């Protein structure tokens, strides 16, 4: 398939996490080259249409991806500009132009930008039918302080699927469980190869397992408390994911899984009711992560969520950490997402 240029709109609440997740997903999909940051919320990359669409679907902190048809400075709004006709081939009739103004943009009104973009599209593909109320496809225009980027939307994140697996919709839940977006981002940041298995040594209610399975991975969780392990199995069954994911009621300090693991994503317990095996929670997590580092092949990744402000396990302060993102959960809890490379 033909390779083209694409632009991803990163989530406004955590654009850095969105960029890191996009990098990881493109790597897993076999896309060569790193995405380039155009501004705080826009990143460009080259890929086939199929992989660009799949990248948007898999990401949690990328809102959508467009095929790049127009890329000019904002001073050229209203002028005739060049359009990449190959990027317009995916437009299905009828279509509509929609404008998103990002921080710092001081451009004409949205209506003026829409008319200008529609005129550019018309010159390249004359006769395309427009329907502003019920379009089959959308030509998106991002307006920033220094750049105007436009093109047809080729992929969007699985917002409905993520929302359906929110804690409130699960038959079993506990306080401070991972939200689907956060769990999916962690799975993606693990860069687990397609067809490989993902391990969560502190699986809790199964948030990571659900997102891994929904992305097509086989996943296995370990949970020391039997009643929680049973609850997470209920969650997996409720969303039709139990054929791809399972839970072992066991002790992560003596991992019952050996070999065949392509990546790890986990959110260790740290609440007041946490059952700790060993001197402290930090020692417990440090021991498990260190053992996993011995288990995994060289180059594999371990992604760990951990509360900011709490004493961290030694391994999270060591040389294996290659990426770290702060993620505010609510007013009293900010997690860090730590990516370790073996």
Protein backbone atom coordinates (compact mmCIF):
# COMPACT_ATOMS: atom_id res chain seq x y z
CA UNK A 1 0.00 0.00 0.00
CA UNK A 2 1.03 3.59 -0.64
CA UNK A 3 2.73 5.46 2.18
CA UNK A 4 1.39 8.92 2.92
CA UNK A 5 1.75 11.71 5.45
CA UNK A 6 -0.55 11.81 8.46
CA UNK A 7 -1.15 14.10 11.42
CA UNK A 8 -2.35 12.92 14.85
CA UNK A 9 -4.30 15.11 17.26
CA UNK A 10 -2.96 14.40 20.74
CA UNK A 11 -5.23 14.48 23.77
CA UNK A 12 -5.42 17.95 25.30
CA UNK A 13 -5.11 16.78 28.90
CA UNK A 14 -1.90 14.78 28.41
CA UNK A 15 -0.24 15.54 25.05
CA UNK A 16 3.19 14.24 26.17
CA UNK A 17 1.66 10.90 27.11
CA UNK A 18 -0.19 10.90 23.78
CA UNK A 19 3.04 11.43 21.85
CA UNK A 20 4.81 8.67 23.77
CA UNK A 21 1.90 6.32 23.19
CA UNK A 22 1.81 7.16 19.47
CA UNK A 23 5.54 6.41 19.17
CA UNK A 24 5.04 3.05 20.85
CA UNK A 25 2.02 2.04 18.76
CA UNK A 26 3.70 2.98 15.47
CA UNK A 27 6.71 0.91 16.51
CA UNK A 28 4.51 -2.11 17.28
CA UNK A 29 2.74 -1.71 13.92
CA UNK A 30 6.10 -1.73 12.13
CA UNK A 31 6.04 1.90 11.01
CA UNK A 32 9.56 3.19 10.42
CA UNK A 33 10.67 6.55 11.74
CA UNK A 34 9.66 8.63 14.73
CA UNK A 35 6.60 10.93 14.68
CA UNK A 36 7.56 14.61 14.52
CA UNK A 37 5.97 17.07 16.93
CA UNK A 38 4.50 19.97 14.92
CA UNK A 39 3.16 21.78 17.98
CA UNK A 40 2.08 20.76 21.48
CA UNK A 41 -0.93 18.76 20.24
CA UNK A 42 -0.07 17.78 16.66
CA UNK A 43 2.37 15.08 15.56
CA UNK A 44 3.11 14.01 11.98
CA UNK A 45 4.27 10.63 10.68
CA UNK A 46 4.44 8.60 7.48
CA UNK A 47 2.61 5.30 7.15
CA UNK A 48 0.13 3.39 5.04
CA UNK A 49 -3.51 4.34 5.44
CA UNK A 50 -4.26 1.00 7.09
CA UNK A 51 -1.60 1.48 9.76
CA UNK A 52 -2.53 5.13 10.34
CA UNK A 53 -6.14 4.09 10.94
CA UNK A 54 -5.10 1.25 13.23
CA UNK A 55 -2.78 3.54 15.21
CA UNK A 56 -5.70 5.89 15.91
CA UNK A 57 -7.93 3.01 16.98
CA UNK A 58 -5.36 1.53 19.35
CA UNK A 59 -4.30 4.76 21.10
CA UNK A 60 -6.04 6.15 24.18
CA UNK A 61 -4.42 9.60 24.24
CA UNK A 62 -4.60 10.28 20.48
CA UNK A 63 -8.02 11.60 19.52
CA UNK A 64 -7.86 11.16 15.75
CA UNK A 65 -5.59 10.95 12.71
CA UNK A 66 -5.96 12.80 9.40
CA UNK A 67 -4.32 12.30 6.03
CA UNK A 68 -2.29 15.45 5.44
CA UNK A 69 -3.64 17.33 2.41
CA UNK A 70 -2.91 20.95 3.36
CA UNK A 71 0.00 22.30 5.42
CA UNK A 72 0.50 26.09 5.31
CA UNK A 73 1.04 29.06 7.56
CA UNK A 74 -2.09 30.73 8.98
CA UNK A 75 -1.31 33.88 6.95
CA UNK A 76 -2.32 31.95 3.82
CA UNK A 77 -5.90 31.36 4.94
CA UNK A 78 -8.03 32.88 2.21
CA UNK A 79 -5.42 32.32 -0.50
CA UNK A 80 -5.18 29.54 -3.06
CA UNK A 81 -2.95 26.82 -1.66
CA UNK A 82 -1.62 23.50 -2.86
CA UNK A 83 -3.55 20.38 -1.91
CA UNK A 84 -2.21 16.83 -2.03
CA UNK A 85 -4.85 15.14 -4.22
CA UNK A 86 -3.81 11.64 -3.12
CA UNK A 87 -4.83 12.47 0.46
CA UNK A 88 -8.36 13.27 -0.74
CA UNK A 89 -8.97 9.84 -2.24
CA UNK A 90 -10.42 8.52 1.04
CA UNK A 91 -13.17 11.17 1.20
CA UNK A 92 -16.62 9.61 0.93
CA UNK A 93 -19.55 11.73 -0.19
CA UNK A 94 -21.16 13.67 1.23
CA UNK A 95 -18.49 15.29 3.35
CA UNK A 96 -18.10 18.32 5.60
CA UNK A 97 -15.24 20.55 6.69
CA UNK A 98 -14.76 20.90 10.44
CA UNK A 99 -12.26 23.25 12.11
CA UNK A 100 -10.41 22.84 15.41
CA UNK A 101 -8.59 25.88 16.79
CA UNK A 102 -5.74 24.96 19.10
CA UNK A 103 -4.10 27.11 21.78
CA UNK A 104 -2.53 30.29 20.46
CA UNK A 105 -4.44 30.36 17.19
CA UNK A 106 -5.47 33.84 16.08
CA UNK A 107 -7.10 33.00 12.77
CA UNK A 108 -10.31 34.11 11.06
CA UNK A 109 -13.60 32.66 12.19
CA UNK A 110 -14.27 28.93 11.84
CA UNK A 111 -16.79 29.65 9.08
CA UNK A 112 -14.17 31.52 7.05
CA UNK A 113 -11.65 28.70 7.50
CA UNK A 114 -14.26 26.10 6.53
CA UNK A 115 -15.12 27.97 3.32
CA UNK A 116 -11.46 28.41 2.43
CA UNK A 117 -10.67 24.70 2.99
CA UNK A 118 -13.79 23.61 1.08
CA UNK A 119 -12.72 25.76 -1.88
CA UNK A 120 -9.26 24.14 -1.85
CA UNK A 121 -10.82 20.67 -1.82
CA UNK A 122 -13.22 21.64 -4.63
CA UNK A 123 -10.36 22.73 -6.85
CA UNK A 124 -8.63 19.38 -6.39
CA UNK A 125 -11.75 17.16 -6.48
CA UNK A 126 -14.50 19.10 -8.26
CA UNK A 127 -18.09 18.16 -7.59
CA UNK A 128 -17.73 16.54 -4.17
CA UNK A 129 -21.11 16.72 -2.45
CA UNK A 130 -21.28 18.55 0.89
CA UNK A 131 -23.62 17.80 3.79
CA UNK A 132 -22.99 19.83 6.91
CA UNK A 133 -25.54 17.94 9.04
CA UNK A 134 -24.96 14.27 8.20
CA UNK A 135 -21.61 13.85 6.41
CA UNK A 136 -20.15 10.42 5.70
CA UNK A 137 -16.63 11.77 6.07
CA UNK A 138 -14.98 14.81 7.63
CA UNK A 139 -12.18 17.03 6.33
CA UNK A 140 -10.56 18.31 9.52
CA UNK A 141 -8.59 21.56 9.70
CA UNK A 142 -6.34 22.22 12.70
CA UNK A 143 -5.47 25.89 13.15
CA UNK A 144 -2.50 26.76 15.35
CA UNK A 145 -0.44 29.87 15.91
CA UNK A 146 2.09 28.86 13.25
CA UNK A 147 0.47 26.13 11.19
CA UNK A 148 -2.74 25.16 9.46
CA UNK A 149 -2.97 21.43 8.78
CA UNK A 150 -5.95 19.87 7.06
CA UNK A 151 -7.05 16.56 5.65
CA UNK A 152 -9.68 13.84 5.80
CA UNK A 153 -10.10 11.99 9.08
CA UNK A 154 -8.87 8.43 8.49
CA UNK A 155 -9.08 7.07 12.04
CA UNK A 156 -10.37 7.85 15.52
CA UNK A 157 -9.73 6.30 18.91
CA UNK A 158 -12.12 3.68 20.23
CA UNK A 159 -13.89 6.09 22.54
CA UNK A 160 -17.08 4.03 22.79
CA UNK A 161 -15.17 0.87 23.69
CA UNK A 162 -13.08 2.63 26.33
CA UNK A 163 -16.17 4.25 27.86
CA UNK A 164 -18.02 0.93 27.95
CA UNK A 165 -15.28 -0.56 30.15
CA UNK A 166 -15.25 2.31 32.66
CA UNK A 167 -15.24 1.15 36.32
CA UNK A 168 -18.87 2.18 36.79
CA UNK A 169 -19.88 -0.32 34.09
CA UNK A 170 -17.94 -3.26 35.52
CA UNK A 171 -19.69 -5.88 37.66
CA UNK A 172 -16.70 -5.84 40.05
CA UNK A 173 -14.69 -2.78 41.06
CA UNK A 174 -12.50 -1.37 43.82
CA UNK A 175 -11.52 2.23 44.72
CA UNK A 176 -8.69 3.85 42.74
CA UNK A 177 -8.76 1.28 39.95
CA UNK A 178 -7.17 2.20 36.64
CA UNK A 179 -9.38 3.94 34.10
CA UNK A 180 -9.51 2.27 30.65
CA UNK A 181 -7.60 5.12 28.96
CA UNK A 182 -4.73 4.89 31.43
CA UNK A 183 -4.63 1.08 31.28
CA UNK A 184 -4.65 1.07 27.48
CA UNK A 185 -1.85 3.64 27.31
CA UNK A 186 0.23 1.44 29.62
CA UNK A 187 -0.38 -1.60 27.42
CA UNK A 188 0.68 0.41 24.37
CA UNK A 189 3.76 1.83 26.07
CA UNK A 190 4.93 -1.73 26.81
CA UNK A 191 5.50 -2.11 23.04
CA UNK A 192 4.54 -5.76 23.31
CA UNK A 193 4.87 -7.34 19.85
CA UNK A 194 1.62 -8.35 18.17
CA UNK A 195 0.89 -12.00 18.86
CA UNK A 196 2.79 -11.95 22.16
CA UNK A 197 1.49 -12.28 25.70
CA UNK A 198 1.18 -9.47 28.25
CA UNK A 199 1.63 -10.07 31.97
CA UNK A 200 0.19 -8.04 34.86
CA UNK A 201 1.72 -9.29 38.14
CA UNK A 202 -0.62 -7.11 40.26
CA UNK A 203 -3.77 -7.45 38.17
CA UNK A 204 -6.40 -6.33 40.71
CA UNK A 205 -9.77 -5.85 39.02
CA UNK A 206 -8.32 -6.59 35.57
CA UNK A 207 -8.15 -3.14 33.96
CA UNK A 208 -4.86 -3.87 32.17
CA UNK A 209 -6.03 -7.34 31.17
CA UNK A 210 -9.23 -5.96 29.63
CA UNK A 211 -7.38 -3.40 27.52
CA UNK A 212 -4.71 -5.87 26.45
CA UNK A 213 -7.35 -8.39 25.38
CA UNK A 214 -9.39 -5.72 23.58
CA UNK A 215 -6.26 -4.92 21.52
CA UNK A 216 -5.92 -8.56 20.51
CA UNK A 217 -3.24 -9.67 22.97
CA UNK A 218 -3.32 -12.78 25.11
CA UNK A 219 -2.99 -11.58 28.71
CA UNK A 220 -2.45 -13.17 32.09
CA UNK A 221 -2.82 -11.54 35.49
CA UNK A 222 -1.63 -12.58 38.94
CA UNK A 223 -3.61 -11.58 42.02
CA UNK A 224 -2.77 -12.71 45.55
CA UNK A 225 -6.30 -12.27 46.92
CA UNK A 226 -8.61 -14.98 45.61
CA UNK A 227 -11.81 -12.94 45.94
CA UNK A 228 -10.31 -10.15 43.80
CA UNK A 229 -9.05 -12.66 41.24
CA UNK A 230 -12.60 -14.01 40.97
CA UNK A 231 -13.95 -10.50 40.60
CA UNK A 232 -11.56 -9.69 37.76
CA UNK A 233 -12.66 -12.87 35.98
CA UNK A 234 -16.24 -11.62 36.25
CA UNK A 235 -15.15 -8.39 34.56
CA UNK A 236 -13.42 -10.24 31.73
CA UNK A 237 -16.46 -12.41 31.13
CA UNK A 238 -18.84 -9.44 31.25
CA UNK A 239 -17.02 -7.81 28.33
CA UNK A 240 -16.48 -10.99 26.35
CA UNK A 241 -12.71 -10.99 26.89
CA UNK A 242 -12.19 -14.14 28.94
CA UNK A 243 -11.11 -16.12 25.88
CA UNK A 244 -7.99 -13.94 25.58
CA UNK A 245 -7.23 -13.15 29.22
CA UNK A 246 -7.09 -15.05 32.49
CA UNK A 247 -6.14 -14.59 36.13
CA UNK A 248 -3.99 -16.74 38.39
CA UNK A 249 -4.71 -16.54 42.12
CA UNK A 250 -1.14 -16.57 43.35
CA UNK A 251 1.87 -14.75 44.74
CA UNK A 252 3.84 -12.49 42.38
CA UNK A 253 6.94 -12.87 44.54
CA UNK A 254 7.13 -16.43 43.18
CA UNK A 255 6.01 -15.86 39.62
CA UNK A 256 4.00 -18.82 38.31
CA UNK A 257 4.65 -17.68 34.72
CA UNK A 258 7.87 -18.59 32.92
CA UNK A 259 8.72 -17.57 29.37
CA UNK A 260 6.49 -16.48 26.54
CA UNK A 261 5.95 -12.97 27.92
CA UNK A 262 6.39 -10.13 25.45
CA UNK A 263 5.73 -7.24 27.81
CA UNK A 264 4.51 -6.22 31.27
CA UNK A 265 2.04 -3.54 32.36
CA UNK A 266 0.96 -3.22 35.96
CA UNK A 267 -0.45 -0.95 38.66
CA UNK A 268 0.83 -2.24 42.03
CA UNK A 269 -1.54 -1.88 45.00
CA UNK A 270 -0.86 0.91 47.45
CA UNK A 271 -4.13 1.53 49.33
CA UNK A 272 -4.55 1.24 53.09
CA UNK A 273 -6.03 -2.25 52.76
CA UNK A 274 -3.15 -3.53 50.62
CA UNK A 275 -1.88 -6.93 51.65
CA UNK A 276 1.93 -6.79 51.61
CA UNK A 277 4.09 -9.90 51.46
CA UNK A 278 7.50 -8.87 52.75
CA UNK A 279 8.95 -5.93 54.71
CA UNK A 280 7.20 -3.15 52.74
CA UNK A 281 5.26 -2.38 49.60
CA UNK A 282 8.32 -0.80 48.03
CA UNK A 283 10.41 -3.93 48.68
CA UNK A 284 7.60 -6.11 47.33
CA UNK A 285 7.32 -4.16 44.07
CA UNK A 286 11.10 -3.88 43.72
CA UNK A 287 11.52 -7.64 44.11
CA UNK A 288 8.80 -8.52 41.60
CA UNK A 289 10.00 -6.03 38.97
CA UNK A 290 13.60 -7.16 39.39
CA UNK A 291 12.55 -10.78 38.88
CA UNK A 292 10.57 -9.80 35.79
CA UNK A 293 13.63 -8.05 34.38
CA UNK A 294 15.43 -11.39 34.61
CA UNK A 295 12.50 -13.22 33.02
CA UNK A 296 12.03 -11.00 29.96
CA UNK A 297 14.13 -10.98 26.82
CA UNK A 298 16.58 -8.14 26.34
CA UNK A 299 14.87 -5.02 24.98
CA UNK A 300 11.39 -5.87 26.34
CA UNK A 301 9.56 -3.31 28.44
CA UNK A 302 7.87 -3.14 31.82
CA UNK A 303 5.34 -0.35 32.39
CA UNK A 304 4.50 0.50 35.99
CA UNK A 305 2.03 3.01 37.40
CA UNK A 306 3.04 4.41 40.78
CA UNK A 307 1.72 7.25 42.96
CA UNK A 308 3.75 10.47 42.86
CA UNK A 309 5.06 11.51 46.27
CA UNK A 310 5.33 8.01 47.71
CA UNK A 311 8.75 6.43 48.22
CA UNK A 312 9.45 4.58 44.99
CA UNK A 313 10.95 1.11 44.64
CA UNK A 314 14.65 1.25 43.81
CA UNK A 315 14.11 -0.14 40.30
CA UNK A 316 11.96 2.91 39.43
CA UNK A 317 14.92 5.14 40.20
CA UNK A 318 17.43 3.04 38.29
CA UNK A 319 18.92 3.00 34.79
CA UNK A 320 16.19 0.81 33.26
CA UNK A 321 13.70 3.73 33.28
CA UNK A 322 13.56 5.15 29.73
CA UNK A 323 10.31 7.12 29.89
CA UNK A 324 8.21 8.67 32.67
CA UNK A 325 4.88 10.50 32.50
CA UNK A 326 2.91 12.20 35.27
CA UNK A 327 -0.81 11.53 35.16
CA UNK A 328 -3.23 13.41 37.46
CA UNK A 329 -6.05 11.10 38.52
CA UNK A 330 -7.81 13.51 40.89
CA UNK A 331 -6.97 16.30 43.32
CA UNK A 332 -5.26 14.00 45.81
CA UNK A 333 -3.67 11.45 43.49
CA UNK A 334 -1.14 11.84 40.69
CA UNK A 335 0.36 8.70 39.23
CA UNK A 336 3.58 8.36 37.32
CA UNK A 337 3.68 5.94 34.39
CA UNK A 338 7.19 4.53 34.29
CA UNK A 339 8.56 2.66 31.27
CA UNK A 340 11.47 0.33 31.98
CA UNK A 341 13.53 -1.36 29.27
CA UNK A 342 15.29 -4.59 30.08
